PDB file of N, CA and C in Angstrom:
ATOM      1  N   MET A   1       0.840  -1.178   0.000  1.00  0.00           N
ATOM      2  CA  MET A   1       0.000   0.000   0.000  1.00  0.00           C
ATOM      3  C   MET A   1       0.885   1.241   0.000  1.00  0.00           C
ATOM      4  N   SER A   2       0.360   2.199  -0.658  1.00  0.00           N
ATOM      5  CA  SER A   2       1.142   3.424  -0.708  1.00  0.00           C
ATOM      6  C   SER A   2       0.936   4.205   0.582  1.00  0.00           C
ATOM      7  N   LYS A   3       1.854   5.118   0.808  1.00  0.00           N
ATOM      8  CA  LYS A   3       1.783   5.949   2.009  1.00  0.00           C
ATOM      9  C   LYS A   3       0.502   6.786   2.012  1.00  0.00           C
ATOM     10  N   HIS A   4       0.057   7.219   0.815  1.00  0.00           N
ATOM     11  CA  HIS A   4      -1.155   8.037   0.698  1.00  0.00           C
ATOM     12  C   HIS A   4      -2.396   7.258   1.151  1.00  0.00           C
ATOM     13  N   VAL A   5      -2.501   5.994   0.732  1.00  0.00           N
ATOM     14  CA  VAL A   5      -3.651   5.166   1.117  1.00  0.00           C
ATOM     15  C   VAL A   5      -3.650   4.940   2.620  1.00  0.00           C
ATOM     16  N   LEU A   6      -2.487   4.657   3.186  1.00  0.00           N
ATOM     17  CA  LEU A   6      -2.410   4.450   4.636  1.00  0.00           C
ATOM     18  C   LEU A   6      -2.797   5.722   5.377  1.00  0.00           C
ATOM     19  N   ASN A   7      -2.342   6.835   4.871  1.00  0.00           N
ATOM     20  CA  ASN A   7      -2.675   8.106   5.491  1.00  0.00           C
ATOM     21  C   ASN A   7      -4.184   8.340   5.446  1.00  0.00           C
ATOM     22  N   ASN A   8      -4.825   8.073   4.287  1.00  0.00           N
ATOM     23  CA  ASN A   8      -6.278   8.226   4.176  1.00  0.00           C
ATOM     24  C   ASN A   8      -6.998   7.290   5.137  1.00  0.00           C
ATOM     25  N   THR A   9      -6.490   6.078   5.290  1.00  0.00           N
ATOM     26  CA  THR A   9      -7.107   5.115   6.204  1.00  0.00           C
ATOM     27  C   THR A   9      -7.020   5.639   7.631  1.00  0.00           C
ATOM     28  N   GLY A  10      -5.880   6.156   7.987  1.00  0.00           N
ATOM     29  CA  GLY A  10      -5.706   6.727   9.330  1.00  0.00           C
ATOM     30  C   GLY A  10      -6.624   7.908   9.549  1.00  0.00           C
ATOM     31  N   GLU A  11      -6.751   8.752   8.516  1.00  0.00           N
ATOM     32  CA  GLU A  11      -7.647   9.908   8.625  1.00  0.00           C
ATOM     33  C   GLU A  11      -9.093   9.466   8.768  1.00  0.00           C
ATOM     34  N   ARG A  12      -9.466   8.435   8.019  1.00  0.00           N
ATOM     35  CA  ARG A  12     -10.843   7.921   8.130  1.00  0.00           C
ATOM     36  C   ARG A  12     -11.112   7.377   9.527  1.00  0.00           C
ATOM     37  N   HIS A  13     -10.131   6.630  10.050  1.00  0.00           N
ATOM     38  CA  HIS A  13     -10.303   6.104  11.411  1.00  0.00           C
ATOM     39  C   HIS A  13     -10.436   7.240  12.419  1.00  0.00           C
ATOM     40  N   ALA A  14      -9.635   8.280  12.225  1.00  0.00           N
ATOM     41  CA  ALA A  14      -9.714   9.423  13.137  1.00  0.00           C
ATOM     42  C   ALA A  14     -11.078  10.093  13.030  1.00  0.00           C
ATOM     43  N   GLU A  15     -11.590  10.246  11.799  1.00  0.00           N
ATOM     44  CA  GLU A  15     -12.910  10.849  11.608  1.00  0.00           C
ATOM     45  C   GLU A  15     -14.000   9.976  12.208  1.00  0.00           C
ATOM     46  N   ILE A  16     -13.876   8.676  12.013  1.00  0.00           N
ATOM     47  CA  ILE A  16     -14.859   7.743  12.589  1.00  0.00           C
ATOM     48  C   ILE A  16     -14.826   7.834  14.109  1.00  0.00           C
ATOM     49  N   ASN A  17     -13.627   7.874  14.676  1.00  0.00           N
ATOM     50  CA  ASN A  17     -13.503   7.983  16.139  1.00  0.00           C
ATOM     51  C   ASN A  17     -14.122   9.282  16.645  1.00  0.00           C
ATOM     52  N   LYS A  18     -13.862  10.393  15.929  1.00  0.00           N
ATOM     53  CA  LYS A  18     -14.443  11.676  16.325  1.00  0.00           C
ATOM     54  C   LYS A  18     -15.969  11.611  16.261  1.00  0.00           C
ATOM     55  N   ALA A  19     -16.475  11.015  15.191  1.00  0.00           N
ATOM     56  CA  ALA A  19     -17.930  10.897  15.029  1.00  0.00           C
ATOM     57  C   ALA A  19     -18.523  10.037  16.140  1.00  0.00           C
ATOM     58  N   GLN A  20     -17.851   8.945  16.473  1.00  0.00           N
ATOM     59  CA  GLN A  20     -18.352   8.067  17.538  1.00  0.00           C
ATOM     60  C   GLN A  20     -18.313   8.775  18.890  1.00  0.00           C
ATOM     61  N   GLU A  21     -17.228   9.521  19.144  1.00  0.00           N
ATOM     62  CA  GLU A  21     -17.143  10.276  20.395  1.00  0.00           C
ATOM     63  C   GLU A  21     -18.253  11.326  20.466  1.00  0.00           C
ATOM     64  N   PHE A  22     -18.478  12.016  19.346  1.00  0.00           N
ATOM     65  CA  PHE A  22     -19.538  13.028  19.300  1.00  0.00           C
ATOM     66  C   PHE A  22     -20.897  12.391  19.559  1.00  0.00           C
ATOM     67  N   GLU A  23     -21.137  11.253  18.917  1.00  0.00           N
ATOM     68  CA  GLU A  23     -22.415  10.557  19.098  1.00  0.00           C
ATOM     69  C   GLU A  23     -22.586  10.119  20.550  1.00  0.00           C
ATOM     70  N   GLN A  24     -21.514   9.600  21.135  1.00  0.00           N
ATOM     71  CA  GLN A  24     -21.581   9.152  22.529  1.00  0.00           C
ATOM     72  C   GLN A  24     -21.858  10.339  23.458  1.00  0.00           C
ATOM     73  N   LYS A  25     -21.154  11.449  23.240  1.00  0.00           N
ATOM     74  CA  LYS A  25     -21.379  12.629  24.080  1.00  0.00           C
ATOM     75  C   LYS A  25     -22.793  13.163  23.887  1.00  0.00           C
ATOM     76  N   THR A  26     -23.261  13.145  22.642  1.00  0.00           N
ATOM     77  CA  THR A  26     -24.628  13.602  22.367  1.00  0.00           C
ATOM     78  C   THR A  26     -25.630  12.708  23.088  1.00  0.00           C
ATOM     79  N   ASN A  27     -25.427  11.403  22.991  1.00  0.00           N
ATOM     80  CA  ASN A  27     -26.329  10.458  23.670  1.00  0.00           C
ATOM     81  C   ASN A  27     -26.293  10.660  25.177  1.00  0.00           C
ATOM     82  N   GLU A  28     -25.085  10.845  25.724  1.00  0.00           N
ATOM     83  CA  GLU A  28     -24.968  11.085  27.160  1.00  0.00           C
ATOM     84  C   GLU A  28     -25.659  12.388  27.538  1.00  0.00           C
ATOM     85  N   GLY A  29     -25.515  13.398  26.672  1.00  0.00           N
ATOM     86  CA  GLY A  29     -26.180  14.673  26.925  1.00  0.00           C
ATOM     87  C   GLY A  29     -27.688  14.527  26.927  1.00  0.00           C
ATOM     88  N   VAL A  30     -28.208  13.762  25.972  1.00  0.00           N
ATOM     89  CA  VAL A  30     -29.654  13.532  25.903  1.00  0.00           C
ATOM     90  C   VAL A  30     -30.114  12.770  27.139  1.00  0.00           C
ATOM     91  N   ILE A  31     -29.353  11.760  27.522  1.00  0.00           N
ATOM     92  CA  ILE A  31     -29.705  10.966  28.710  1.00  0.00           C
ATOM     93  C   ILE A  31     -29.691  11.851  29.952  1.00  0.00           C
ATOM     94  N   ASN A  32     -28.630  12.672  30.088  1.00  0.00           N
ATOM     95  CA  ASN A  32     -28.551  13.565  31.252  1.00  0.00           C
ATOM     96  C   ASN A  32     -29.704  14.553  31.262  1.00  0.00           C
ATOM     97  N   LYS A  33     -30.056  15.076  30.087  1.00  0.00           N
ATOM     98  CA  LYS A  33     -31.169  16.021  30.001  1.00  0.00           C
ATOM     99  C   LYS A  33     -32.468  15.338  30.417  1.00  0.00           C
ATOM    100  N   LYS A  34     -32.680  14.117  29.919  1.00  0.00           N
ATOM    101  CA  LYS A  34     -33.901  13.376  30.280  1.00  0.00           C
ATOM    102  C   LYS A  34     -33.916  13.078  31.775  1.00  0.00           C
ATOM    103  N   GLU A  35     -32.748  12.702  32.334  1.00  0.00           N
ATOM    104  CA  GLU A  35     -32.685  12.431  33.769  1.00  0.00           C
ATOM    105  C   GLU A  35     -32.995  13.703  34.559  1.00  0.00           C
ATOM    106  N   ASN A  36     -32.452  14.838  34.110  1.00  0.00           N
ATOM    107  CA  ASN A  36     -32.733  16.107  34.787  1.00  0.00           C
ATOM    108  C   ASN A  36     -34.209  16.455  34.703  1.00  0.00           C
ATOM    109  N   GLU A  37     -34.820  16.244  33.533  1.00  0.00           N
ATOM    110  CA  GLU A  37     -36.250  16.506  33.383  1.00  0.00           C
ATOM    111  C   GLU A  37     -37.049  15.600  34.313  1.00  0.00           C
ATOM    112  N   PHE A  38     -36.664  14.321  34.366  1.00  0.00           N
ATOM    113  CA  PHE A  38     -37.348  13.381  35.253  1.00  0.00           C
ATOM    114  C   PHE A  38     -37.203  13.816  36.702  1.00  0.00           C
ATOM    115  N   ASP A  39     -35.968  14.225  37.090  1.00  0.00           N
ATOM    116  CA  ASP A  39     -35.740  14.667  38.464  1.00  0.00           C
ATOM    117  C   ASP A  39     -36.610  15.869  38.800  1.00  0.00           C
ATOM    118  N   LYS A  40     -36.732  16.821  37.856  1.00  0.00           N
ATOM    119  CA  LYS A  40     -37.572  17.993  38.091  1.00  0.00           C
ATOM    120  C   LYS A  40     -39.031  17.596  38.260  1.00  0.00           C
ATOM    121  N   ILE A  41     -39.496  16.710  37.381  1.00  0.00           N
ATOM    122  CA  ILE A  41     -40.888  16.247  37.457  1.00  0.00           C
ATOM    123  C   ILE A  41     -41.119  15.527  38.779  1.00  0.00           C
ATOM    124  N   HIS A  42     -40.176  14.661  39.144  1.00  0.00           N
ATOM    125  CA  HIS A  42     -40.290  13.908  40.394  1.00  0.00           C
ATOM    126  C   HIS A  42     -40.318  14.864  41.591  1.00  0.00           C
ATOM    127  N   PHE A  43     -39.417  15.857  41.587  1.00  0.00           N
ATOM    128  CA  PHE A  43     -39.377  16.838  42.675  1.00  0.00           C
ATOM    129  C   PHE A  43     -40.688  17.612  42.743  1.00  0.00           C
ATOM    130  N   ASN A  44     -41.178  18.054  41.577  1.00  0.00           N
ATOM    131  CA  ASN A  44     -42.446  18.797  41.544  1.00  0.00           C
ATOM    132  C   ASN A  44     -43.597  17.950  42.058  1.00  0.00           C
ATOM    133  N   ASN A  45     -43.609  16.669  41.689  1.00  0.00           N
ATOM    134  CA  ASN A  45     -44.661  15.774  42.178  1.00  0.00           C
ATOM    135  C   ASN A  45     -44.571  15.608  43.693  1.00  0.00           C
ATOM    136  N   GLN A  46     -43.335  15.511  44.202  1.00  0.00           N
ATOM    137  CA  GLN A  46     -43.165  15.403  45.654  1.00  0.00           C
ATOM    138  C   GLN A  46     -43.682  16.665  46.348  1.00  0.00           C
ATOM    139  N   GLU A  47     -43.374  17.837  45.765  1.00  0.00           N
ATOM    140  CA  GLU A  47     -43.840  19.097  46.339  1.00  0.00           C
ATOM    141  C   GLU A  47     -45.370  19.164  46.308  1.00  0.00           C
ATOM    142  N   LYS A  48     -45.971  18.760  45.184  1.00  0.00           N
ATOM    143  CA  LYS A  48     -47.434  18.758  45.084  1.00  0.00           C
ATOM    144  C   LYS A  48     -48.033  17.851  46.150  1.00  0.00           C
ATOM    145  N   HIS A  49     -47.454  16.664  46.292  1.00  0.00           N
ATOM    146  CA  HIS A  49     -47.957  15.710  47.282  1.00  0.00           C
ATOM    147  C   HIS A  49     -47.824  16.288  48.685  1.00  0.00           C
ATOM    148  N   LYS A  50     -46.669  16.906  48.960  1.00  0.00           N
ATOM    149  CA  LYS A  50     -46.440  17.512  50.271  1.00  0.00           C
ATOM    150  C   LYS A  50     -47.471  18.610  50.531  1.00  0.00           C
ATOM    151  N   ASN A  51     -47.711  19.441  49.520  1.00  0.00           N
ATOM    152  CA  ASN A  51     -48.700  20.516  49.664  1.00  0.00           C
ATOM    153  C   ASN A  51     -50.102  19.964  49.851  1.00  0.00           C
ATOM    154  N   GLN A  52     -50.444  18.922  49.086  1.00  0.00           N
ATOM    155  CA  GLN A  52     -51.770  18.312  49.221  1.00  0.00           C
ATOM    156  C   GLN A  52     -51.936  17.710  50.612  1.00  0.00           C
ATOM    157  N   THR A  53     -50.884  17.059  51.098  1.00  0.00           N
ATOM    158  CA  THR A  53     -50.933  16.464  52.434  1.00  0.00           C
ATOM    159  C   THR A  53     -51.125  17.543  53.482  1.00  0.00           C
ATOM    160  N   GLU A  54     -50.401  18.652  53.334  1.00  0.00           N
ATOM    161  CA  GLU A  54     -50.531  19.767  54.276  1.00  0.00           C
ATOM    162  C   GLU A  54     -51.940  20.356  54.211  1.00  0.00           C
ATOM    163  N   ASN A  55     -52.488  20.493  53.005  1.00  0.00           N
ATOM    164  CA  ASN A  55     -53.857  21.001  52.861  1.00  0.00           C
ATOM    165  C   ASN A  55     -54.854  20.070  53.538  1.00  0.00           C
ATOM    166  N   ILE A  56     -54.650  18.780  53.374  1.00  0.00           N
ATOM    167  CA  ILE A  56     -55.539  17.798  54.013  1.00  0.00           C
ATOM    168  C   ILE A  56     -55.454  17.926  55.531  1.00  0.00           C
ATOM    169  N   ARG A  57     -54.241  18.093  56.050  1.00  0.00           N
ATOM    170  CA  ARG A  57     -54.078  18.260  57.507  1.00  0.00           C
ATOM    171  C   ARG A  57     -54.823  19.504  57.995  1.00  0.00           C
ATOM    172  N   GLU A  58     -54.675  20.607  57.232  1.00  0.00           N
ATOM    173  CA  GLU A  58     -55.334  21.851  57.632  1.00  0.00           C
ATOM    174  C   GLU A  58     -56.851  21.695  57.623  1.00  0.00           C
ATOM    175  N   VAL A  59     -57.386  21.080  56.586  1.00  0.00           N
ATOM    176  CA  VAL A  59     -58.833  20.883  56.482  1.00  0.00           C
ATOM    177  C   VAL A  59     -59.306  19.945  57.587  1.00  0.00           C
ATOM    178  N   THR A  60     -58.546  18.892  57.835  1.00  0.00           N
ATOM    179  CA  THR A  60     -58.912  17.941  58.892  1.00  0.00           C
ATOM    180  C   THR A  60     -58.935  18.639  60.247  1.00  0.00           C
ATOM    181  N   LYS A  61     -57.925  19.454  60.510  1.00  0.00           N
ATOM    182  CA  LYS A  61     -57.890  20.192  61.787  1.00  0.00           C
ATOM    183  C   LYS A  61     -59.077  21.139  61.885  1.00  0.00           C
ATOM    184  N   GLU A  62     -59.390  21.821  60.780  1.00  0.00           N
ATOM    185  CA  GLU A  62     -60.521  22.749  60.779  1.00  0.00           C
ATOM    186  C   GLU A  62     -61.833  22.005  61.067  1.00  0.00           C
ATOM    187  N   VAL A  63     -61.997  20.853  60.440  1.00  0.00           N
ATOM    188  CA  VAL A  63     -63.207  20.048  60.662  1.00  0.00           C
ATOM    189  C   VAL A  63     -63.259  19.580  62.114  1.00  0.00           C
ATOM    190  N   GLU A  64     -62.111  19.124  62.641  1.00  0.00           N
ATOM    191  CA  GLU A  64     -62.080  18.672  64.037  1.00  0.00           C
ATOM    192  C   GLU A  64     -62.379  19.819  64.990  1.00  0.00           C
ATOM    193  N   ASP A  65     -61.802  21.001  64.693  1.00  0.00           N
ATOM    194  CA  ASP A  65     -62.076  22.174  65.535  1.00  0.00           C
ATOM    195  C   ASP A  65     -63.558  22.537  65.497  1.00  0.00           C
ATOM    196  N   ASN A  66     -64.134  22.517  64.304  1.00  0.00           N
ATOM    197  CA  ASN A  66     -65.560  22.833  64.172  1.00  0.00           C
ATOM    198  C   ASN A  66     -66.421  21.815  64.916  1.00  0.00           C
ATOM    199  N   GLN A  67     -66.028  20.542  64.842  1.00  0.00           N
ATOM    200  CA  GLN A  67     -66.769  19.500  65.549  1.00  0.00           C
ATOM    201  C   GLN A  67     -66.679  19.721  67.058  1.00  0.00           C
ATOM    202  N   TRP A  68     -65.484  20.098  67.512  1.00  0.00           N
ATOM    203  CA  TRP A  68     -65.295  20.346  68.944  1.00  0.00           C
ATOM    204  C   TRP A  68     -66.189  21.500  69.395  1.00  0.00           C
ATOM    205  N   VAL A  69     -66.240  22.570  68.574  1.00  0.00           N
ATOM    206  CA  VAL A  69     -67.088  23.725  68.911  1.00  0.00           C
ATOM    207  C   VAL A  69     -68.556  23.299  68.946  1.00  0.00           C
ATOM    208  N   ARG A  70     -68.987  22.517  67.965  1.00  0.00           N
ATOM    209  CA  ARG A  70     -70.387  22.058  67.951  1.00  0.00           C
ATOM    210  C   ARG A  70     -70.691  21.198  69.177  1.00  0.00           C
ATOM    211  N   ASP A  71     -69.758  20.295  69.498  1.00  0.00           N
ATOM    212  CA  ASP A  71     -69.961  19.440  70.678  1.00  0.00           C
ATOM    213  C   ASP A  71     -70.023  20.280  71.955  1.00  0.00           C
ATOM    214  N   LYS A  72     -69.103  21.235  72.067  1.00  0.00           N
ATOM    215  CA  LYS A  72     -69.069  22.106  73.245  1.00  0.00           C
ATOM    216  C   LYS A  72     -70.369  22.899  73.363  1.00  0.00           C
ATOM    217  N   ASN A  73     -70.803  23.450  72.234  1.00  0.00           N
ATOM    218  CA  ASN A  73     -72.056  24.218  72.251  1.00  0.00           C
ATOM    219  C   ASN A  73     -73.247  23.334  72.596  1.00  0.00           C
ATOM    220  N   PHE A  74     -73.242  22.126  72.083  1.00  0.00           N
ATOM    221  CA  PHE A  74     -74.335  21.199  72.387  1.00  0.00           C
ATOM    222  C   PHE A  74     -74.379  20.895  73.884  1.00  0.00           C
ATOM    223  N   VAL A  75     -73.218  20.586  74.431  1.00  0.00           N
ATOM    224  CA  VAL A  75     -73.160  20.270  75.861  1.00  0.00           C
ATOM    225  C   VAL A  75     -73.569  21.492  76.680  1.00  0.00           C
ATOM    226  N   GLN A  76     -73.064  22.661  76.305  1.00  0.00           N
ATOM    227  CA  GLN A  76     -73.392  23.886  77.030  1.00  0.00           C
ATOM    228  C   GLN A  76     -74.900  24.171  76.962  1.00  0.00           C
ATOM    229  N   THR A  77     -75.465  24.045  75.783  1.00  0.00           N
ATOM    230  CA  THR A  77     -76.903  24.270  75.614  1.00  0.00           C
ATOM    231  C   THR A  77     -77.704  23.243  76.407  1.00  0.00           C
ATOM    232  N   SER A  78     -77.260  22.009  76.374  1.00  0.00           N
ATOM    233  CA  SER A  78     -77.965  20.959  77.123  1.00  0.00           C
ATOM    234  C   SER A  78     -77.945  21.232  78.619  1.00  0.00           C
ATOM    235  N   LEU A  79     -76.790  21.646  79.110  1.00  0.00           N
ATOM    236  CA  LEU A  79     -76.686  21.953  80.541  1.00  0.00           C
ATOM    237  C   LEU A  79     -77.547  23.169  80.908  1.00  0.00           C
ATOM    238  N   GLU A  80     -77.508  24.176  80.057  1.00  0.00           N
ATOM    239  CA  GLU A  80     -78.321  25.373  80.328  1.00  0.00           C
ATOM    240  C   GLU A  80     -79.802  25.018  80.344  1.00  0.00           C
ATOM    241  N   ASN A  81     -80.226  24.175  79.418  1.00  0.00           N
ATOM    242  CA  ASN A  81     -81.623  23.790  79.372  1.00  0.00           C
ATOM    243  C   ASN A  81     -81.999  22.924  80.579  1.00  0.00           C
ATOM    244  N   LYS A  82     -81.078  22.114  81.004  1.00  0.00           N
ATOM    245  CA  LYS A  82     -81.344  21.211  82.141  1.00  0.00           C
ATOM    246  C   LYS A  82     -81.515  22.013  83.428  1.00  0.00           C
ATOM    247  N   TYR A  83     -80.697  23.060  83.599  1.00  0.00           N
ATOM    248  CA  TYR A  83     -80.719  23.790  84.861  1.00  0.00           C
ATOM    249  C   TYR A  83     -81.454  25.112  84.781  1.00  0.00           C
ATOM    250  N   LYS A  84     -82.352  25.304  83.832  1.00  0.00           N
ATOM    251  CA  LYS A  84     -83.159  26.517  83.755  1.00  0.00           C
ATOM    252  C   LYS A  84     -84.247  26.484  84.764  1.00  0.00           C
TER     253      LYS A  84
END
């Protein structure tokens, strides 16, 4: 083989290697981007769940407080009626 053919073969291998490295980095970049998007979605879902749980706690406490007030008023009214 002539020196020119060997040189072209070496250049082709170098170009192929560069292309493969670029493709690998691109694929890794896409994977990292998808992982980051997933992490953001997962974090947002956790925050939504946390907020929903907190809202449920607040509503539950409000309902319990209202029930306590109704029970207290009932007992108070019953006692007042009993001792009139």
